[in-house]
Amino acid sequence: MSANDKIKELNLELPPAPKPAGVYKPIVIIGNTAYVSGHGPVRMDNSLIQGRIGEDLNEQEGFQAARQVGLAVLATLKSNLGSLDRVKRVIKVLGMVNCTPDFQNHPAVINGFSELFAEVFGEETGVGARSAVGMGSLPSNISVEVEAIFEIE
């Protein structure tokens, strides 16, 4: 099943593709590689999920925020590639969690992003190398930020 069809089957709604909030491009394509800049958890109304995991949000809320980041990244890919079916595989994901110093379960939060991509693209294509790290803060106090690299057609 194509990624575009899978989005429909899963009844997923993609938020508007985020616009740059600084001097950068949301996506840069070089050859068959797409580099996606850090994205935050953008909702359908363009608002952001904000707060620190371990203080304002719990781990499950962080997981949901990471999943929302995934939807924003999918929106950027679709907007710039024309079709999600051009994504051949996830190469690398860097997930950053805005959390308290004592929070240690960063991978469980970033699984919200990774599980979404596995659902949409399948395990072989949608799961790549990954890092999940904690941060003392993130821009606009967003709870999660993810950047990723994709192989495309």
N, C-alpha and C. Protein backbone atom coordinates (compact mmCIF):
# COMPACT_ATOMS: atom_id res chain seq x y z
N MET A 1 0.85 -1.18 0.00
CA MET A 1 0.00 0.00 0.00
C MET A 1 0.89 1.25 0.00
N SER A 2 0.52 2.24 -0.78
CA SER A 2 1.31 3.46 -0.86
C SER A 2 1.20 4.26 0.45
N ALA A 3 2.19 5.09 0.71
CA ALA A 3 2.18 5.94 1.92
C ALA A 3 0.98 6.88 1.89
N ASN A 4 0.66 7.43 0.72
CA ASN A 4 -0.50 8.32 0.61
C ASN A 4 -1.79 7.59 0.98
N ASP A 5 -1.93 6.34 0.53
CA ASP A 5 -3.11 5.54 0.86
C ASP A 5 -3.12 5.19 2.35
N LYS A 6 -1.95 4.91 2.90
CA LYS A 6 -1.85 4.56 4.32
C LYS A 6 -2.29 5.73 5.20
N ILE A 7 -1.95 6.95 4.81
CA ILE A 7 -2.38 8.15 5.54
C ILE A 7 -3.92 8.17 5.61
N LYS A 8 -4.55 7.90 4.47
CA LYS A 8 -6.02 7.88 4.43
C LYS A 8 -6.58 6.74 5.27
N GLU A 9 -5.99 5.55 5.13
CA GLU A 9 -6.47 4.38 5.88
C GLU A 9 -6.38 4.61 7.39
N LEU A 10 -5.30 5.23 7.83
CA LEU A 10 -5.10 5.51 9.26
C LEU A 10 -5.90 6.72 9.73
N ASN A 11 -6.58 7.38 8.78
CA ASN A 11 -7.39 8.57 9.09
C ASN A 11 -6.57 9.67 9.75
N LEU A 12 -5.36 9.88 9.22
CA LEU A 12 -4.46 10.90 9.76
C LEU A 12 -4.71 12.24 9.06
N GLU A 13 -4.68 13.29 9.83
CA GLU A 13 -4.79 14.65 9.29
C GLU A 13 -3.45 15.32 9.42
N LEU A 14 -2.91 15.78 8.31
CA LEU A 14 -1.63 16.48 8.35
C LEU A 14 -1.87 17.96 8.60
N PRO A 15 -1.12 18.54 9.54
CA PRO A 15 -1.26 19.98 9.77
C PRO A 15 -0.68 20.74 8.57
N PRO A 16 -0.88 22.04 8.52
CA PRO A 16 -0.23 22.81 7.45
C PRO A 16 1.29 22.65 7.57
N ALA A 17 1.97 22.52 6.43
CA ALA A 17 3.43 22.42 6.46
C ALA A 17 3.98 23.68 7.13
N PRO A 18 4.78 23.52 8.19
CA PRO A 18 5.28 24.69 8.92
C PRO A 18 6.15 25.59 8.04
N LYS A 19 6.00 26.88 8.25
CA LYS A 19 6.83 27.88 7.56
C LYS A 19 8.07 28.13 8.42
N PRO A 20 9.20 28.48 7.79
CA PRO A 20 10.40 28.76 8.57
C PRO A 20 10.18 29.90 9.57
N ALA A 21 10.72 29.71 10.77
CA ALA A 21 10.63 30.74 11.80
C ALA A 21 11.96 31.45 11.97
N GLY A 22 12.82 31.32 10.98
CA GLY A 22 14.14 31.93 11.03
C GLY A 22 14.78 31.85 9.65
N VAL A 23 16.08 31.96 9.63
CA VAL A 23 16.82 31.94 8.37
C VAL A 23 17.27 30.51 8.09
N TYR A 24 16.38 29.72 7.51
CA TYR A 24 16.66 28.33 7.13
C TYR A 24 15.56 27.85 6.19
N LYS A 25 15.79 26.71 5.58
CA LYS A 25 14.79 26.08 4.73
C LYS A 25 14.24 24.86 5.47
N PRO A 26 12.94 24.60 5.39
CA PRO A 26 12.37 23.44 6.07
C PRO A 26 12.89 22.12 5.52
N ILE A 27 13.27 22.13 4.23
CA ILE A 27 13.78 20.93 3.58
C ILE A 27 14.78 21.33 2.51
N VAL A 28 15.87 20.57 2.43
CA VAL A 28 16.86 20.76 1.37
C VAL A 28 17.03 19.41 0.70
N ILE A 29 16.93 19.41 -0.63
CA ILE A 29 17.06 18.18 -1.39
C ILE A 29 18.35 18.23 -2.20
N ILE A 30 19.18 17.23 -2.01
CA ILE A 30 20.42 17.09 -2.77
C ILE A 30 20.43 15.69 -3.35
N GLY A 31 20.34 15.61 -4.66
CA GLY A 31 20.27 14.30 -5.30
C GLY A 31 19.05 13.54 -4.83
N ASN A 32 19.29 12.35 -4.27
CA ASN A 32 18.18 11.52 -3.81
C ASN A 32 18.06 11.54 -2.28
N THR A 33 18.54 12.63 -1.67
CA THR A 33 18.49 12.76 -0.22
C THR A 33 17.75 14.04 0.16
N ALA A 34 16.79 13.90 1.08
CA ALA A 34 16.05 15.05 1.61
C ALA A 34 16.42 15.24 3.06
N TYR A 35 16.91 16.42 3.37
CA TYR A 35 17.28 16.80 4.74
C TYR A 35 16.16 17.69 5.28
N VAL A 36 15.48 17.22 6.30
CA VAL A 36 14.36 17.98 6.87
C VAL A 36 14.84 18.65 8.16
N SER A 37 14.71 19.98 8.20
CA SER A 37 15.10 20.75 9.38
C SER A 37 14.26 20.35 10.58
N GLY A 38 14.73 20.77 11.75
CA GLY A 38 13.99 20.48 12.97
C GLY A 38 12.57 20.99 12.89
N HIS A 39 11.62 20.13 13.22
CA HIS A 39 10.19 20.45 13.25
C HIS A 39 9.68 20.31 14.67
N GLY A 40 8.69 21.12 15.00
CA GLY A 40 8.04 21.02 16.30
C GLY A 40 6.66 20.42 16.17
N PRO A 41 5.98 20.25 17.30
CA PRO A 41 4.65 19.65 17.31
C PRO A 41 3.56 20.66 16.95
N VAL A 42 3.37 20.83 15.65
CA VAL A 42 2.39 21.78 15.11
C VAL A 42 1.03 21.10 15.00
N ARG A 43 0.03 21.74 15.60
CA ARG A 43 -1.35 21.22 15.51
C ARG A 43 -2.02 21.75 14.25
N MET A 44 -3.23 21.26 14.00
CA MET A 44 -3.99 21.66 12.81
C MET A 44 -4.24 23.17 12.77
N ASP A 45 -4.38 23.80 13.92
CA ASP A 45 -4.65 25.25 13.97
C ASP A 45 -3.36 26.08 14.02
N ASN A 46 -2.22 25.44 13.73
CA ASN A 46 -0.89 26.07 13.75
C ASN A 46 -0.36 26.37 15.15
N SER A 47 -1.10 26.00 16.20
CA SER A 47 -0.56 26.18 17.55
C SER A 47 0.45 25.06 17.81
N LEU A 48 1.26 25.24 18.85
CA LEU A 48 2.33 24.29 19.18
C LEU A 48 2.04 23.61 20.51
N ILE A 49 2.43 22.35 20.63
CA ILE A 49 2.41 21.68 21.92
C ILE A 49 3.65 22.14 22.67
N GLN A 50 3.44 22.75 23.81
CA GLN A 50 4.54 23.34 24.56
C GLN A 50 4.64 22.72 25.96
N GLY A 51 5.81 22.85 26.54
CA GLY A 51 6.03 22.41 27.91
C GLY A 51 7.12 21.36 28.01
N ARG A 52 7.65 21.25 29.22
CA ARG A 52 8.74 20.31 29.49
C ARG A 52 8.18 18.97 29.96
N ILE A 53 8.74 17.91 29.40
CA ILE A 53 8.38 16.57 29.84
C ILE A 53 8.97 16.37 31.24
N GLY A 54 8.15 15.86 32.13
CA GLY A 54 8.59 15.68 33.51
C GLY A 54 8.20 16.84 34.40
N GLU A 55 7.67 17.90 33.81
CA GLU A 55 7.23 19.07 34.58
C GLU A 55 5.82 19.47 34.16
N ASP A 56 5.66 19.86 32.90
CA ASP A 56 4.36 20.30 32.37
C ASP A 56 3.59 19.17 31.71
N LEU A 57 4.33 18.22 31.15
CA LEU A 57 3.73 17.10 30.42
C LEU A 57 4.32 15.79 30.93
N ASN A 58 3.53 14.72 30.88
CA ASN A 58 4.07 13.42 31.27
C ASN A 58 4.63 12.72 30.03
N GLU A 59 5.17 11.53 30.23
CA GLU A 59 5.81 10.80 29.14
C GLU A 59 4.85 10.49 28.00
N GLN A 60 3.63 10.10 28.32
CA GLN A 60 2.64 9.78 27.27
C GLN A 60 2.26 11.03 26.48
N GLU A 61 2.16 12.16 27.15
CA GLU A 61 1.88 13.42 26.44
C GLU A 61 3.06 13.80 25.56
N GLY A 62 4.27 13.50 26.01
CA GLY A 62 5.46 13.72 25.18
C GLY A 62 5.44 12.83 23.95
N PHE A 63 5.04 11.57 24.13
CA PHE A 63 4.90 10.63 23.02
C PHE A 63 3.93 11.19 21.98
N GLN A 64 2.79 11.71 22.43
CA GLN A 64 1.80 12.29 21.53
C GLN A 64 2.34 13.54 20.83
N ALA A 65 3.14 14.33 21.56
CA ALA A 65 3.76 15.51 20.94
C ALA A 65 4.74 15.07 19.84
N ALA A 66 5.51 14.02 20.10
CA ALA A 66 6.45 13.52 19.08
C ALA A 66 5.69 12.99 17.87
N ARG A 67 4.57 12.36 18.10
CA ARG A 67 3.73 11.88 16.99
C ARG A 67 3.24 13.08 16.17
N GLN A 68 2.87 14.17 16.85
CA GLN A 68 2.42 15.38 16.16
C GLN A 68 3.56 15.98 15.34
N VAL A 69 4.78 15.91 15.86
CA VAL A 69 5.94 16.35 15.08
C VAL A 69 6.02 15.53 13.79
N GLY A 70 5.80 14.23 13.93
CA GLY A 70 5.83 13.36 12.75
C GLY A 70 4.82 13.78 11.70
N LEU A 71 3.64 14.16 12.13
CA LEU A 71 2.62 14.63 11.18
C LEU A 71 3.09 15.91 10.49
N ALA A 72 3.76 16.80 11.23
CA ALA A 72 4.28 18.03 10.63
C ALA A 72 5.38 17.73 9.61
N VAL A 73 6.24 16.76 9.92
CA VAL A 73 7.30 16.37 8.98
C VAL A 73 6.66 15.76 7.73
N LEU A 74 5.66 14.92 7.91
CA LEU A 74 4.95 14.35 6.75
C LEU A 74 4.34 15.46 5.89
N ALA A 75 3.80 16.49 6.52
CA ALA A 75 3.22 17.62 5.78
C ALA A 75 4.29 18.33 4.96
N THR A 76 5.46 18.53 5.54
CA THR A 76 6.55 19.17 4.81
C THR A 76 7.01 18.30 3.64
N LEU A 77 7.16 17.01 3.88
CA LEU A 77 7.57 16.11 2.80
C LEU A 77 6.55 16.12 1.66
N LYS A 78 5.29 16.00 2.01
CA LYS A 78 4.24 15.97 0.98
C LYS A 78 4.19 17.29 0.21
N SER A 79 4.30 18.40 0.93
CA SER A 79 4.24 19.71 0.31
C SER A 79 5.40 19.93 -0.67
N ASN A 80 6.57 19.43 -0.32
CA ASN A 80 7.75 19.67 -1.14
C ASN A 80 8.02 18.59 -2.18
N LEU A 81 7.59 17.37 -1.90
CA LEU A 81 7.83 16.28 -2.84
C LEU A 81 6.64 16.01 -3.75
N GLY A 82 5.47 16.54 -3.37
CA GLY A 82 4.26 16.31 -4.15
C GLY A 82 3.54 15.03 -3.75
N SER A 83 4.29 14.04 -3.32
CA SER A 83 3.71 12.76 -2.90
C SER A 83 4.63 12.10 -1.88
N LEU A 84 4.03 11.53 -0.85
CA LEU A 84 4.82 10.79 0.14
C LEU A 84 5.38 9.50 -0.45
N ASP A 85 4.84 9.08 -1.57
CA ASP A 85 5.32 7.86 -2.22
C ASP A 85 6.73 8.03 -2.80
N ARG A 86 7.23 9.25 -2.83
CA ARG A 86 8.61 9.48 -3.28
C ARG A 86 9.63 9.14 -2.19
N VAL A 87 9.16 8.95 -0.95
CA VAL A 87 10.07 8.59 0.14
C VAL A 87 10.42 7.12 0.01
N LYS A 88 11.73 6.83 -0.18
CA LYS A 88 12.18 5.44 -0.31
C LYS A 88 12.50 4.83 1.04
N ARG A 89 13.04 5.66 1.95
CA ARG A 89 13.32 5.16 3.29
C ARG A 89 13.73 6.30 4.22
N VAL A 90 13.51 6.07 5.51
CA VAL A 90 14.03 6.95 6.55
C VAL A 90 15.49 6.54 6.76
N ILE A 91 16.39 7.51 6.68
CA ILE A 91 17.81 7.22 6.89
C ILE A 91 18.18 7.47 8.35
N LYS A 92 17.89 8.69 8.86
CA LYS A 92 18.34 9.09 10.19
C LYS A 92 17.36 10.05 10.81
N VAL A 93 17.09 9.87 12.09
CA VAL A 93 16.21 10.74 12.87
C VAL A 93 16.97 11.21 14.11
N LEU A 94 16.88 12.50 14.39
CA LEU A 94 17.39 13.05 15.65
C LEU A 94 16.21 13.64 16.39
N GLY A 95 15.85 13.04 17.52
CA GLY A 95 14.74 13.51 18.34
C GLY A 95 15.25 14.21 19.59
N MET A 96 14.75 15.41 19.81
CA MET A 96 15.15 16.22 20.97
C MET A 96 13.94 16.45 21.87
N VAL A 97 14.11 16.14 23.14
CA VAL A 97 13.02 16.21 24.11
C VAL A 97 13.31 17.33 25.09
N ASN A 98 12.39 18.29 25.20
CA ASN A 98 12.48 19.37 26.18
C ASN A 98 12.03 18.76 27.50
N CYS A 99 12.96 18.56 28.42
CA CYS A 99 12.61 17.81 29.62
C CYS A 99 13.38 18.31 30.84
N THR A 100 12.92 17.84 31.98
CA THR A 100 13.59 18.14 33.24
C THR A 100 14.90 17.35 33.30
N PRO A 101 15.87 17.83 34.08
CA PRO A 101 17.18 17.15 34.15
C PRO A 101 17.09 15.69 34.60
N ASP A 102 16.08 15.35 35.40
CA ASP A 102 15.99 13.98 35.91
C ASP A 102 15.20 13.04 34.99
N PHE A 103 14.59 13.55 33.91
CA PHE A 103 13.86 12.69 32.98
C PHE A 103 14.87 11.89 32.16
N GLN A 104 14.66 10.58 32.06
CA GLN A 104 15.65 9.73 31.39
C GLN A 104 15.09 8.87 30.28
N ASN A 105 13.80 8.96 29.98
CA ASN A 105 13.21 8.04 29.02
C ASN A 105 12.95 8.72 27.66
N HIS A 106 13.95 9.41 27.16
CA HIS A 106 13.84 10.11 25.88
C HIS A 106 13.42 9.20 24.73
N PRO A 107 13.99 7.98 24.63
CA PRO A 107 13.57 7.11 23.52
C PRO A 107 12.07 6.81 23.51
N ALA A 108 11.46 6.64 24.69
CA ALA A 108 10.02 6.35 24.74
C ALA A 108 9.20 7.51 24.19
N VAL A 109 9.66 8.73 24.40
CA VAL A 109 8.97 9.91 23.86
C VAL A 109 9.12 9.94 22.34
N ILE A 110 10.34 9.79 21.84
CA ILE A 110 10.59 9.87 20.40
C ILE A 110 9.96 8.70 19.65
N ASN A 111 9.63 7.63 20.37
CA ASN A 111 8.89 6.53 19.74
C ASN A 111 7.57 7.02 19.12
N GLY A 112 7.00 8.10 19.64
CA GLY A 112 5.79 8.66 19.04
C GLY A 112 6.02 9.02 17.58
N PHE A 113 7.16 9.57 17.28
CA PHE A 113 7.54 9.90 15.90
C PHE A 113 7.84 8.62 15.12
N SER A 114 8.71 7.79 15.69
CA SER A 114 9.19 6.61 14.99
C SER A 114 8.07 5.61 14.68
N GLU A 115 7.17 5.41 15.63
CA GLU A 115 6.06 4.48 15.40
C GLU A 115 5.13 4.98 14.29
N LEU A 116 4.92 6.29 14.23
CA LEU A 116 4.10 6.86 13.16
C LEU A 116 4.72 6.56 11.79
N PHE A 117 6.03 6.77 11.66
CA PHE A 117 6.69 6.54 10.38
C PHE A 117 6.70 5.06 10.02
N ALA A 118 6.80 4.19 11.01
CA ALA A 118 6.71 2.74 10.76
C ALA A 118 5.31 2.38 10.28
N GLU A 119 4.29 3.01 10.85
CA GLU A 119 2.90 2.77 10.42
C GLU A 119 2.67 3.23 8.98
N VAL A 120 3.16 4.42 8.67
CA VAL A 120 2.90 5.01 7.35
C VAL A 120 3.71 4.34 6.25
N PHE A 121 5.00 4.08 6.51
CA PHE A 121 5.89 3.58 5.46
C PHE A 121 6.23 2.09 5.60
N GLY A 122 5.87 1.49 6.72
CA GLY A 122 6.25 0.10 6.97
C GLY A 122 7.58 0.04 7.71
N GLU A 123 7.82 -1.09 8.37
CA GLU A 123 9.02 -1.24 9.21
C GLU A 123 10.31 -1.09 8.41
N GLU A 124 10.37 -1.68 7.24
CA GLU A 124 11.61 -1.67 6.45
C GLU A 124 11.96 -0.26 5.97
N THR A 125 10.97 0.45 5.48
CA THR A 125 11.19 1.79 4.92
C THR A 125 11.12 2.89 5.97
N GLY A 126 10.23 2.73 6.95
CA GLY A 126 9.94 3.81 7.89
C GLY A 126 10.79 3.88 9.13
N VAL A 127 11.68 2.90 9.33
CA VAL A 127 12.54 2.89 10.51
C VAL A 127 13.98 3.00 10.07
N GLY A 128 14.66 4.03 10.57
CA GLY A 128 16.06 4.24 10.22
C GLY A 128 16.90 4.34 11.48
N ALA A 129 18.11 4.81 11.33
CA ALA A 129 18.97 5.08 12.48
C ALA A 129 18.36 6.23 13.27
N ARG A 130 18.62 6.26 14.60
CA ARG A 130 17.95 7.28 15.41
C ARG A 130 18.75 7.62 16.65
N SER A 131 18.66 8.87 17.04
CA SER A 131 19.14 9.33 18.34
C SER A 131 17.99 10.03 19.03
N ALA A 132 17.91 9.87 20.35
CA ALA A 132 16.88 10.53 21.16
C ALA A 132 17.59 11.13 22.37
N VAL A 133 17.55 12.45 22.48
CA VAL A 133 18.30 13.12 23.53
C VAL A 133 17.44 14.14 24.27
N GLY A 134 17.83 14.44 25.49
CA GLY A 134 17.15 15.44 26.28
C GLY A 134 17.80 16.79 26.13
N MET A 135 16.99 17.84 26.20
CA MET A 135 17.46 19.22 26.09
C MET A 135 16.94 20.03 27.27
N GLY A 136 17.71 21.01 27.68
CA GLY A 136 17.29 21.90 28.76
C GLY A 136 16.17 22.83 28.34
N SER A 137 16.08 23.12 27.04
CA SER A 137 15.00 23.93 26.49
C SER A 137 14.99 23.73 24.98
N LEU A 138 13.87 24.11 24.37
CA LEU A 138 13.74 24.10 22.92
C LEU A 138 13.04 25.40 22.51
N PRO A 139 13.17 25.83 21.25
CA PRO A 139 12.56 27.08 20.82
C PRO A 139 11.06 27.15 21.14
N SER A 140 10.61 28.29 21.58
CA SER A 140 9.21 28.54 21.93
C SER A 140 8.66 27.56 22.97
N ASN A 141 9.56 26.95 23.72
CA ASN A 141 9.19 25.98 24.76
C ASN A 141 8.43 24.78 24.20
N ILE A 142 8.67 24.44 22.90
CA ILE A 142 8.03 23.25 22.35
C ILE A 142 8.55 22.03 23.12
N SER A 143 7.71 21.00 23.20
CA SER A 143 8.06 19.83 24.00
C SER A 143 8.99 18.87 23.28
N VAL A 144 8.92 18.83 21.95
CA VAL A 144 9.73 17.91 21.16
C VAL A 144 10.11 18.58 19.85
N GLU A 145 11.33 18.31 19.39
CA GLU A 145 11.77 18.73 18.06
C GLU A 145 12.46 17.54 17.40
N VAL A 146 12.19 17.35 16.11
CA VAL A 146 12.80 16.24 15.37
C VAL A 146 13.31 16.76 14.03
N GLU A 147 14.53 16.34 13.68
CA GLU A 147 15.04 16.56 12.33
C GLU A 147 15.31 15.18 11.73
N ALA A 148 15.26 15.07 10.41
CA ALA A 148 15.39 13.75 9.79
C ALA A 148 15.99 13.84 8.40
N ILE A 149 16.55 12.72 7.97
CA ILE A 149 17.12 12.59 6.64
C ILE A 149 16.43 11.41 5.95
N PHE A 150 16.03 11.62 4.68
CA PHE A 150 15.29 10.61 3.93
C PHE A 150 15.95 10.34 2.58
N GLU A 151 15.89 9.10 2.13
CA GLU A 151 16.22 8.78 0.77
C GLU A 151 14.93 8.92 -0.03
N ILE A 152 15.01 9.61 -1.17
CA ILE A 152 13.83 9.86 -1.99
C ILE A 152 14.08 9.44 -3.44
N GLU A 153 12.98 9.33 -4.17
CA GLU A 153 13.06 9.05 -5.62
C GLU A 153 12.91 10.35 -6.36
